[in-house]
PDB file of N, CA and C in Angstrom:
ATOM      1  N   MET A   1     169.346 337.787 131.096  1.00  0.00           N
ATOM      2  CA  MET A   1     168.902 336.406 131.028  1.00  0.00           C
ATOM      3  C   MET A   1     170.148 335.919 131.881  1.00  0.00           C
ATOM      4  N   PRO A   2     169.553 334.656 132.181  1.00  0.00           N
ATOM      5  CA  PRO A   2     170.157 333.399 133.076  1.00  0.00           C
ATOM      6  C   PRO A   2     171.370 332.876 132.410  1.00  0.00           C
ATOM      7  N   ASP A   3     172.668 332.696 132.546  1.00  0.00           N
ATOM      8  CA  ASP A   3     173.800 331.772 131.990  1.00  0.00           C
ATOM      9  C   ASP A   3     172.690 330.185 131.660  1.00  0.00           C
ATOM     10  N   LYS A   4     172.245 329.372 132.414  1.00  0.00           N
ATOM     11  CA  LYS A   4     171.902 328.046 132.297  1.00  0.00           C
ATOM     12  C   LYS A   4     170.578 328.019 132.169  1.00  0.00           C
ATOM     13  N   ILE A   5     170.035 327.219 131.670  1.00  0.00           N
ATOM     14  CA  ILE A   5     168.531 326.845 131.779  1.00  0.00           C
ATOM     15  C   ILE A   5     167.947 326.518 133.112  1.00  0.00           C
ATOM     16  N   SER A   6     168.883 326.017 133.941  1.00  0.00           N
ATOM     17  CA  SER A   6     168.381 325.520 135.091  1.00  0.00           C
ATOM     18  C   SER A   6     168.223 326.599 135.982  1.00  0.00           C
ATOM     19  N   ASP A   7     168.805 327.525 135.527  1.00  0.00           N
ATOM     20  CA  ASP A   7     168.813 329.098 136.656  1.00  0.00           C
ATOM     21  C   ASP A   7     167.731 330.047 136.287  1.00  0.00           C
ATOM     22  N   LEU A   8     166.744 329.515 135.312  1.00  0.00           N
ATOM     23  CA  LEU A   8     165.451 330.393 134.831  1.00  0.00           C
ATOM     24  C   LEU A   8     164.330 329.946 135.978  1.00  0.00           C
ATOM     25  N   THR A   9     163.621 330.968 135.658  1.00  0.00           N
ATOM     26  CA  THR A   9     162.522 330.730 137.065  1.00  0.00           C
ATOM     27  C   THR A   9     161.391 329.993 135.970  1.00  0.00           C
ATOM     28  N   VAL A  10     160.085 330.041 136.651  1.00  0.00           N
ATOM     29  CA  VAL A  10     159.080 329.155 135.897  1.00  0.00           C
ATOM     30  C   VAL A  10     158.911 330.213 134.856  1.00  0.00           C
ATOM     31  N   ASP A  11     158.291 331.410 135.503  1.00  0.00           N
ATOM     32  CA  ASP A  11     157.732 332.396 134.657  1.00  0.00           C
ATOM     33  C   ASP A  11     158.858 332.574 133.234  1.00  0.00           C
ATOM     34  N   GLU A  12     159.973 333.124 133.311  1.00  0.00           N
ATOM     35  CA  GLU A  12     160.760 333.038 132.352  1.00  0.00           C
ATOM     36  C   GLU A  12     161.220 331.802 131.500  1.00  0.00           C
ATOM     37  N   PHE A  13     160.665 330.859 131.949  1.00  0.00           N
ATOM     38  CA  PHE A  13     160.782 329.190 130.786  1.00  0.00           C
ATOM     39  C   PHE A  13     159.266 329.197 130.041  1.00  0.00           C
ATOM     40  N   LYS A  14     158.407 329.711 131.043  1.00  0.00           N
ATOM     41  CA  LYS A  14     156.863 329.816 129.918  1.00  0.00           C
ATOM     42  C   LYS A  14     157.056 331.058 129.066  1.00  0.00           C
ATOM     43  N   ASP A  15     157.644 331.945 129.376  1.00  0.00           N
ATOM     44  CA  ASP A  15     157.673 333.055 128.035  1.00  0.00           C
ATOM     45  C   ASP A  15     158.988 332.613 127.541  1.00  0.00           C
ATOM     46  N   ILE A  16     160.072 332.057 127.184  1.00  0.00           N
ATOM     47  CA  ILE A  16     160.799 331.452 126.089  1.00  0.00           C
ATOM     48  C   ILE A  16     160.437 330.666 125.274  1.00  0.00           C
ATOM     49  N   PHE A  17     159.848 329.362 126.038  1.00  0.00           N
ATOM     50  CA  PHE A  17     159.303 328.306 125.580  1.00  0.00           C
ATOM     51  C   PHE A  17     157.714 328.207 125.618  1.00  0.00           C
ATOM     52  N   LYS A  18     157.071 329.014 124.889  1.00  0.00           N
ATOM     53  CA  LYS A  18     155.790 329.098 124.910  1.00  0.00           C
ATOM     54  C   LYS A  18     155.244 327.819 123.618  1.00  0.00           C
ATOM     55  N   PRO A  19     154.156 327.151 124.154  1.00  0.00           N
ATOM     56  CA  PRO A  19     153.752 325.882 123.437  1.00  0.00           C
ATOM     57  C   PRO A  19     152.999 326.379 122.345  1.00  0.00           C
ATOM     58  N   ASP A  20     152.899 325.423 120.920  1.00  0.00           N
ATOM     59  CA  ASP A  20     152.075 326.442 120.152  1.00  0.00           C
ATOM     60  C   ASP A  20     151.293 325.154 119.986  1.00  0.00           C
ATOM     61  N   THR A  21     149.897 325.636 120.889  1.00  0.00           N
ATOM     62  CA  THR A  21     148.995 324.630 120.894  1.00  0.00           C
ATOM     63  C   THR A  21     148.152 323.932 119.676  1.00  0.00           C
ATOM     64  N   GLU A  22     148.010 325.000 118.944  1.00  0.00           N
ATOM     65  CA  GLU A  22     147.219 325.057 117.447  1.00  0.00           C
ATOM     66  C   GLU A  22     148.306 323.707 116.617  1.00  0.00           C
ATOM     67  N   PHE A  23     149.558 324.248 116.564  1.00  0.00           N
ATOM     68  CA  PHE A  23     150.407 323.565 115.669  1.00  0.00           C
ATOM     69  C   PHE A  23     150.369 321.847 116.353  1.00  0.00           C
ATOM     70  N   ILE A  24     150.524 321.604 117.851  1.00  0.00           N
ATOM     71  CA  ILE A  24     150.704 320.368 118.373  1.00  0.00           C
ATOM     72  C   ILE A  24     149.282 319.819 117.964  1.00  0.00           C
ATOM     73  N   LYS A  25     147.606 320.428 118.307  1.00  0.00           N
ATOM     74  CA  LYS A  25     146.911 319.566 118.189  1.00  0.00           C
ATOM     75  C   LYS A  25     146.829 319.145 116.600  1.00  0.00           C
ATOM     76  N   GLY A  26     147.073 320.023 115.577  1.00  0.00           N
ATOM     77  CA  GLY A  26     147.287 319.611 114.303  1.00  0.00           C
ATOM     78  C   GLY A  26     148.309 318.350 114.056  1.00  0.00           C
ATOM     79  N   VAL A  27     149.657 318.323 114.818  1.00  0.00           N
ATOM     80  CA  VAL A  27     149.983 317.288 114.385  1.00  0.00           C
ATOM     81  C   VAL A  27     149.496 315.919 115.013  1.00  0.00           C
ATOM     82  N   VAL A  28     149.186 316.114 116.332  1.00  0.00           N
ATOM     83  CA  VAL A  28     148.286 315.173 116.767  1.00  0.00           C
ATOM     84  C   VAL A  28     147.286 314.394 116.517  1.00  0.00           C
ATOM     85  N   SER A  29     146.474 315.309 115.664  1.00  0.00           N
ATOM     86  CA  SER A  29     145.371 314.815 114.781  1.00  0.00           C
ATOM     87  C   SER A  29     145.994 314.010 113.683  1.00  0.00           C
ATOM     88  N   GLU A  30     147.106 314.752 112.755  1.00  0.00           N
ATOM     89  CA  GLU A  30     147.261 314.265 111.675  1.00  0.00           C
ATOM     90  C   GLU A  30     148.039 312.672 111.932  1.00  0.00           C
ATOM     91  N   ILE A  31     148.263 312.453 113.183  1.00  0.00           N
ATOM     92  CA  ILE A  31     149.221 311.304 113.458  1.00  0.00           C
ATOM     93  C   ILE A  31     147.965 310.192 113.787  1.00  0.00           C
ATOM     94  N   CYS A  32     147.427 310.774 114.251  1.00  0.00           N
ATOM     95  CA  CYS A  32     145.873 309.660 114.976  1.00  0.00           C
ATOM     96  C   CYS A  32     145.191 309.250 113.576  1.00  0.00           C
ATOM     97  N   GLN A  33     144.795 310.261 112.778  1.00  0.00           N
ATOM     98  CA  GLN A  33     144.395 309.885 111.308  1.00  0.00           C
ATOM     99  C   GLN A  33     145.017 308.669 110.491  1.00  0.00           C
ATOM    100  N   THR A  34     146.551 308.939 110.490  1.00  0.00           N
ATOM    101  CA  THR A  34     147.566 308.331 109.849  1.00  0.00           C
ATOM    102  C   THR A  34     147.161 306.599 110.450  1.00  0.00           C
ATOM    103  N   SER A  35     147.246 306.972 111.655  1.00  0.00           N
ATOM    104  CA  SER A  35     147.089 305.589 112.470  1.00  0.00           C
ATOM    105  C   SER A  35     146.186 305.036 112.087  1.00  0.00           C
ATOM    106  N   PHE A  36     145.118 305.277 112.070  1.00  0.00           N
ATOM    107  CA  PHE A  36     143.336 305.297 112.007  1.00  0.00           C
ATOM    108  C   PHE A  36     143.716 304.125 110.774  1.00  0.00           C
ATOM    109  N   VAL A  37     144.223 304.799 109.646  1.00  0.00           N
ATOM    110  CA  VAL A  37     144.388 304.513 108.057  1.00  0.00           C
ATOM    111  C   VAL A  37     144.959 303.014 108.026  1.00  0.00           C
ATOM    112  N   HIS A  38     146.286 303.574 108.629  1.00  0.00           N
ATOM    113  CA  HIS A  38     147.320 302.447 108.512  1.00  0.00           C
ATOM    114  C   HIS A  38     146.773 300.804 109.330  1.00  0.00           C
ATOM    115  N   VAL A  39     145.455 301.102 110.142  1.00  0.00           N
ATOM    116  CA  VAL A  39     145.191 299.419 110.601  1.00  0.00           C
ATOM    117  C   VAL A  39     143.798 299.567 110.075  1.00  0.00           C
ATOM    118  N   GLY A  40     143.024 300.206 108.956  1.00  0.00           N
ATOM    119  CA  GLY A  40     141.854 299.812 108.735  1.00  0.00           C
ATOM    120  C   GLY A  40     140.800 300.672 109.085  1.00  0.00           C
ATOM    121  N   ILE A  41     141.032 301.582 109.491  1.00  0.00           N
ATOM    122  CA  ILE A  41     139.864 302.060 110.239  1.00  0.00           C
ATOM    123  C   ILE A  41     139.728 304.094 109.505  1.00  0.00           C
ATOM    124  N   ASP A  42     138.247 304.209 109.186  1.00  0.00           N
ATOM    125  CA  ASP A  42     138.011 304.871 108.160  1.00  0.00           C
ATOM    126  C   ASP A  42     137.335 306.014 109.395  1.00  0.00           C
ATOM    127  N   VAL A  43     138.144 307.038 109.436  1.00  0.00           N
ATOM    128  CA  VAL A  43     137.563 308.016 110.550  1.00  0.00           C
ATOM    129  C   VAL A  43     136.452 309.032 110.059  1.00  0.00           C
ATOM    130  N   GLU A  44     136.516 308.740 108.458  1.00  0.00           N
ATOM    131  CA  GLU A  44     135.188 309.559 107.821  1.00  0.00           C
ATOM    132  C   GLU A  44     133.910 309.138 108.269  1.00  0.00           C
ATOM    133  N   LYS A  45     133.777 307.433 108.074  1.00  0.00           N
ATOM    134  CA  LYS A  45     132.503 306.752 108.611  1.00  0.00           C
ATOM    135  C   LYS A  45     132.607 306.904 109.946  1.00  0.00           C
ATOM    136  N   PRO A  46     132.141 307.168 111.231  1.00  0.00           N
ATOM    137  CA  PRO A  46     132.772 306.744 112.179  1.00  0.00           C
ATOM    138  C   PRO A  46     131.295 305.430 112.508  1.00  0.00           C
ATOM    139  N   ASP A  47     129.941 305.777 112.017  1.00  0.00           N
ATOM    140  CA  ASP A  47     128.769 305.171 112.265  1.00  0.00           C
ATOM    141  C   ASP A  47     129.107 303.603 111.990  1.00  0.00           C
ATOM    142  N   GLU A  48     129.707 303.510 110.737  1.00  0.00           N
ATOM    143  CA  GLU A  48     130.080 301.713 109.898  1.00  0.00           C
ATOM    144  C   GLU A  48     130.977 301.223 111.023  1.00  0.00           C
ATOM    145  N   GLN A  49     132.116 302.294 111.567  1.00  0.00           N
ATOM    146  CA  GLN A  49     132.944 301.563 112.367  1.00  0.00           C
ATOM    147  C   GLN A  49     132.530 301.263 113.552  1.00  0.00           C
ATOM    148  N   ARG A  50     131.722 302.075 114.364  1.00  0.00           N
ATOM    149  CA  ARG A  50     130.846 301.540 115.413  1.00  0.00           C
ATOM    150  C   ARG A  50     129.916 299.925 115.097  1.00  0.00           C
ATOM    151  N   ALA A  51     129.208 300.407 114.017  1.00  0.00           N
ATOM    152  CA  ALA A  51     128.576 299.333 113.906  1.00  0.00           C
ATOM    153  C   ALA A  51     129.421 297.851 113.543  1.00  0.00           C
ATOM    154  N   ASP A  52     130.705 298.144 112.746  1.00  0.00           N
ATOM    155  CA  ASP A  52     131.711 296.876 112.609  1.00  0.00           C
ATOM    156  C   ASP A  52     132.331 296.459 114.133  1.00  0.00           C
ATOM    157  N   PHE A  53     132.721 297.449 115.101  1.00  0.00           N
ATOM    158  CA  PHE A  53     133.162 296.883 116.798  1.00  0.00           C
ATOM    159  C   PHE A  53     132.100 296.066 117.309  1.00  0.00           C
ATOM    160  N   PHE A  54     130.507 296.443 116.917  1.00  0.00           N
ATOM    161  CA  PHE A  54     129.790 296.082 117.795  1.00  0.00           C
ATOM    162  C   PHE A  54     129.367 295.151 117.002  1.00  0.00           C
ATOM    163  N   TYR A  55     129.452 294.341 115.908  1.00  0.00           N
ATOM    164  CA  TYR A  55     129.212 293.330 115.036  1.00  0.00           C
ATOM    165  C   TYR A  55     130.659 292.029 115.831  1.00  0.00           C
ATOM    166  N   LEU A  56     131.641 292.800 115.723  1.00  0.00           N
ATOM    167  CA  LEU A  56     132.770 291.990 116.567  1.00  0.00           C
ATOM    168  C   LEU A  56     133.042 291.389 117.764  1.00  0.00           C
ATOM    169  N   ARG A  57     132.338 292.416 118.502  1.00  0.00           N
ATOM    170  CA  ARG A  57     132.092 292.209 120.015  1.00  0.00           C
ATOM    171  C   ARG A  57     130.958 291.155 119.793  1.00  0.00           C
ATOM    172  N   ARG A  58     129.653 291.286 119.208  1.00  0.00           N
ATOM    173  CA  ARG A  58     128.691 290.579 119.524  1.00  0.00           C
ATOM    174  C   ARG A  58     129.346 288.871 118.894  1.00  0.00           C
ATOM    175  N   SER A  59     130.210 288.879 118.069  1.00  0.00           N
ATOM    176  CA  SER A  59     130.770 287.509 117.633  1.00  0.00           C
ATOM    177  C   SER A  59     131.775 287.165 118.783  1.00  0.00           C
ATOM    178  N   ARG A  60     132.382 287.823 119.147  1.00  0.00           N
ATOM    179  CA  ARG A  60     133.237 287.315 120.042  1.00  0.00           C
ATOM    180  C   ARG A  60     132.741 286.584 121.181  1.00  0.00           C
ATOM    181  N   LYS A  61     131.101 287.353 121.735  1.00  0.00           N
ATOM    182  CA  LYS A  61     130.409 286.877 122.897  1.00  0.00           C
ATOM    183  C   LYS A  61     130.055 285.558 122.658  1.00  0.00           C
ATOM    184  N   VAL A  62     129.422 285.464 121.533  1.00  0.00           N
ATOM    185  CA  VAL A  62     128.644 283.893 121.103  1.00  0.00           C
ATOM    186  C   VAL A  62     129.914 282.700 120.490  1.00  0.00           C
ATOM    187  N   ALA A  63     131.115 283.327 120.301  1.00  0.00           N
ATOM    188  CA  ALA A  63     132.302 282.074 120.360  1.00  0.00           C
ATOM    189  C   ALA A  63     132.432 281.761 121.675  1.00  0.00           C
ATOM    190  N   GLU A  64     132.353 282.913 122.406  1.00  0.00           N
ATOM    191  CA  GLU A  64     132.840 282.644 123.850  1.00  0.00           C
ATOM    192  C   GLU A  64     131.773 281.335 124.763  1.00  0.00           C
ATOM    193  N   LYS A  65     130.972 281.699 124.403  1.00  0.00           N
ATOM    194  CA  LYS A  65     129.555 281.014 125.018  1.00  0.00           C
ATOM    195  C   LYS A  65     129.553 279.716 124.195  1.00  0.00           C
ATOM    196  N   ALA A  66     129.708 279.486 122.743  1.00  0.00           N
ATOM    197  CA  ALA A  66     129.640 278.469 122.157  1.00  0.00           C
ATOM    198  C   ALA A  66     131.111 277.465 122.984  1.00  0.00           C
ATOM    199  N   GLY A  67     132.618 277.948 123.067  1.00  0.00           N
ATOM    200  CA  GLY A  67     133.512 277.546 123.454  1.00  0.00           C
ATOM    201  C   GLY A  67     133.168 276.700 124.879  1.00  0.00           C
ATOM    202  N   ASN A  68     132.307 277.839 126.116  1.00  0.00           N
ATOM    203  CA  ASN A  68     132.103 277.390 127.486  1.00  0.00           C
ATOM    204  C   ASN A  68     131.485 276.161 127.368  1.00  0.00           C
ATOM    205  N   ALA A  69     129.936 276.001 126.315  1.00  0.00           N
ATOM    206  CA  ALA A  69     129.035 274.987 126.038  1.00  0.00           C
ATOM    207  C   ALA A  69     129.991 273.795 125.956  1.00  0.00           C
ATOM    208  N   LEU A  70     130.965 273.927 124.836  1.00  0.00           N
ATOM    209  CA  LEU A  70     131.608 272.812 124.155  1.00  0.00           C
ATOM    210  C   LEU A  70     132.667 272.194 125.443  1.00  0.00           C
ATOM    211  N   ARG A  71     133.255 273.321 126.365  1.00  0.00           N
ATOM    212  CA  ARG A  71     133.809 272.332 127.531  1.00  0.00           C
ATOM    213  C   ARG A  71     133.193 271.373 128.399  1.00  0.00           C
ATOM    214  N   ILE A  72     132.130 272.330 128.643  1.00  0.00           N
ATOM    215  CA  ILE A  72     130.769 271.619 129.339  1.00  0.00           C
ATOM    216  C   ILE A  72     130.708 270.146 129.191  1.00  0.00           C
ATOM    217  N   ALA A  73     129.949 270.207 127.832  1.00  0.00           N
ATOM    218  CA  ALA A  73     129.898 268.815 127.089  1.00  0.00           C
ATOM    219  C   ALA A  73     131.063 267.973 127.481  1.00  0.00           C
ATOM    220  N   ILE A  74     132.196 268.585 126.913  1.00  0.00           N
ATOM    221  CA  ILE A  74     133.022 267.517 127.124  1.00  0.00           C
ATOM    222  C   ILE A  74     133.342 267.115 128.579  1.00  0.00           C
ATOM    223  N   ILE A  75     133.503 267.990 129.300  1.00  0.00           N
ATOM    224  CA  ILE A  75     133.657 267.506 130.669  1.00  0.00           C
ATOM    225  C   ILE A  75     132.759 266.647 131.343  1.00  0.00           C
ATOM    226  N   THR A  76     131.373 266.885 130.757  1.00  0.00           N
ATOM    227  CA  THR A  76     130.152 265.508 131.116  1.00  0.00           C
ATOM    228  C   THR A  76     130.429 264.624 130.700  1.00  0.00           C
ATOM    229  N   GLY A  77     130.905 264.720 129.292  1.00  0.00           N
ATOM    230  CA  GLY A  77     131.076 263.343 128.628  1.00  0.00           C
ATOM    231  C   GLY A  77     132.350 262.351 129.259  1.00  0.00           C
ATOM    232  N   GLY A  78     133.142 263.212 129.677  1.00  0.00           N
ATOM    233  CA  GLY A  78     134.152 262.291 130.238  1.00  0.00           C
ATOM    234  C   GLY A  78     133.951 261.962 131.810  1.00  0.00           C
ATOM    235  N   VAL A  79     133.187 262.942 132.848  1.00  0.00           N
ATOM    236  CA  VAL A  79     132.796 262.276 133.728  1.00  0.00           C
ATOM    237  C   VAL A  79     131.892 261.096 133.923  1.00  0.00           C
ATOM    238  N   GLY A  80     130.983 261.485 132.673  1.00  0.00           N
ATOM    239  CA  GLY A  80     129.811 260.325 132.600  1.00  0.00           C
ATOM    240  C   GLY A  80     130.504 258.825 131.881  1.00  0.00           C
ATOM    241  N   GLY A  81     131.617 259.110 131.177  1.00  0.00           N
ATOM    242  CA  GLY A  81     132.243 257.638 130.834  1.00  0.00           C
ATOM    243  C   GLY A  81     133.151 257.114 132.002  1.00  0.00           C
ATOM    244  N   LEU A  82     133.454 257.890 132.877  1.00  0.00           N
ATOM    245  CA  LEU A  82     134.281 257.684 133.867  1.00  0.00           C
ATOM    246  C   LEU A  82     133.788 256.761 134.649  1.00  0.00           C
ATOM    247  N   PHE A  83     132.242 257.366 135.051  1.00  0.00           N
ATOM    248  CA  PHE A  83     131.390 256.690 136.166  1.00  0.00           C
ATOM    249  C   PHE A  83     130.669 255.397 135.702  1.00  0.00           C
ATOM    250  N   THR A  84     130.480 255.177 133.966  1.00  0.00           N
ATOM    251  CA  THR A  84     129.868 254.215 133.205  1.00  0.00           C
ATOM    252  C   THR A  84     131.094 253.325 133.553  1.00  0.00           C
ATOM    253  N   ALA A  85     132.463 253.334 133.426  1.00  0.00           N
ATOM    254  CA  ALA A  85     133.395 252.603 133.532  1.00  0.00           C
ATOM    255  C   ALA A  85     133.911 251.873 134.668  1.00  0.00           C
ATOM    256  N   LEU A  86     133.664 252.917 135.749  1.00  0.00           N
ATOM    257  CA  LEU A  86     133.435 252.634 137.169  1.00  0.00           C
ATOM    258  C   LEU A  86     132.454 251.498 137.678  1.00  0.00           C
ATOM    259  N   TRP A  87     131.122 251.699 137.030  1.00  0.00           N
ATOM    260  CA  TRP A  87     130.242 250.977 137.306  1.00  0.00           C
ATOM    261  C   TRP A  87     130.323 249.231 136.473  1.00  0.00           C
ATOM    262  N   ALA A  88     130.847 249.600 135.521  1.00  0.00           N
ATOM    263  CA  ALA A  88     130.995 248.213 134.834  1.00  0.00           C
ATOM    264  C   ALA A  88     132.179 247.513 135.505  1.00  0.00           C
ATOM    265  N   GLY A  89     133.316 248.193 136.018  1.00  0.00           N
ATOM    266  CA  GLY A  89     134.112 247.229 136.801  1.00  0.00           C
ATOM    267  C   GLY A  89     133.154 246.893 138.111  1.00  0.00           C
ATOM    268  N   VAL A  90     132.730 247.686 138.869  1.00  0.00           N
ATOM    269  CA  VAL A  90     132.063 247.214 139.642  1.00  0.00           C
ATOM    270  C   VAL A  90     130.863 245.827 139.753  1.00  0.00           C
ATOM    271  N   LYS A  91     130.028 246.143 138.408  1.00  0.00           N
ATOM    272  CA  LYS A  91     129.294 245.249 138.045  1.00  0.00           C
ATOM    273  C   LYS A  91     129.826 243.867 137.730  1.00  0.00           C
ATOM    274  N   SER A  92     131.036 243.732 137.019  1.00  0.00           N
ATOM    275  CA  SER A  92     131.981 242.590 136.826  1.00  0.00           C
ATOM    276  C   SER A  92     132.845 242.254 138.008  1.00  0.00           C
ATOM    277  N   LEU A  93     133.089 243.084 139.318  1.00  0.00           N
ATOM    278  CA  LEU A  93     133.285 242.467 140.262  1.00  0.00           C
ATOM    279  C   LEU A  93     132.294 241.718 141.065  1.00  0.00           C
ATOM    280  N   LEU A  94     131.135 242.178 141.229  1.00  0.00           N
ATOM    281  CA  LEU A  94     130.386 241.638 142.098  1.00  0.00           C
ATOM    282  C   LEU A  94     129.404 240.450 141.251  1.00  0.00           C
ATOM    283  N   LYS A  95     129.637 240.411 139.613  1.00  0.00           N
ATOM    284  CA  LYS A  95     129.162 239.766 139.171  1.00  0.00           C
ATOM    285  C   LYS A  95     127.698 239.670 139.108  1.00  0.00           C
ATOM    286  N   ILE A  96     127.580 241.177 138.974  1.00  0.00           N
ATOM    287  CA  ILE A  96     126.123 241.536 138.863  1.00  0.00           C
ATOM    288  C   ILE A  96     125.691 241.512 137.183  1.00  0.00           C
ATOM    289  N   LYS A  97     124.233 240.875 136.777  1.00  0.00           N
ATOM    290  CA  LYS A  97     123.982 240.881 135.508  1.00  0.00           C
ATOM    291  C   LYS A  97     122.638 241.994 135.084  1.00  0.00           C
ATOM    292  N   GLY A  98     122.906 242.487 134.160  1.00  0.00           N
ATOM    293  CA  GLY A  98     121.895 243.069 134.019  1.00  0.00           C
ATOM    294  C   GLY A  98     121.644 244.674 134.212  1.00  0.00           C
ATOM    295  N   GLY A  99     120.978 245.503 134.464  1.00  0.00           N
ATOM    296  CA  GLY A  99     121.124 247.176 134.689  1.00  0.00           C
ATOM    297  C   GLY A  99     121.834 247.417 136.177  1.00  0.00           C
TER     298      GLY A  99
END
């Protein structure tokens, strides 16, 4: 047996430090389930969670479309108002009556 860990060969290292994969899988699974419970996800009902996420995605897309439509309406109103003010200024300068 070597004096230092750095003197170990790869095969010797593997023989000494064999990972217990079943134990690791169990720990990781428990950590994941606990984490999901802490954020409010029920791992026992994946279909409900899938439906909830689908609803959230659909709601987000609708909200994004509404936000884009509102932006377009505001920009259109602003540009229309600017042109109206510009036209009113031109009319008053040239003393044009009517339309």
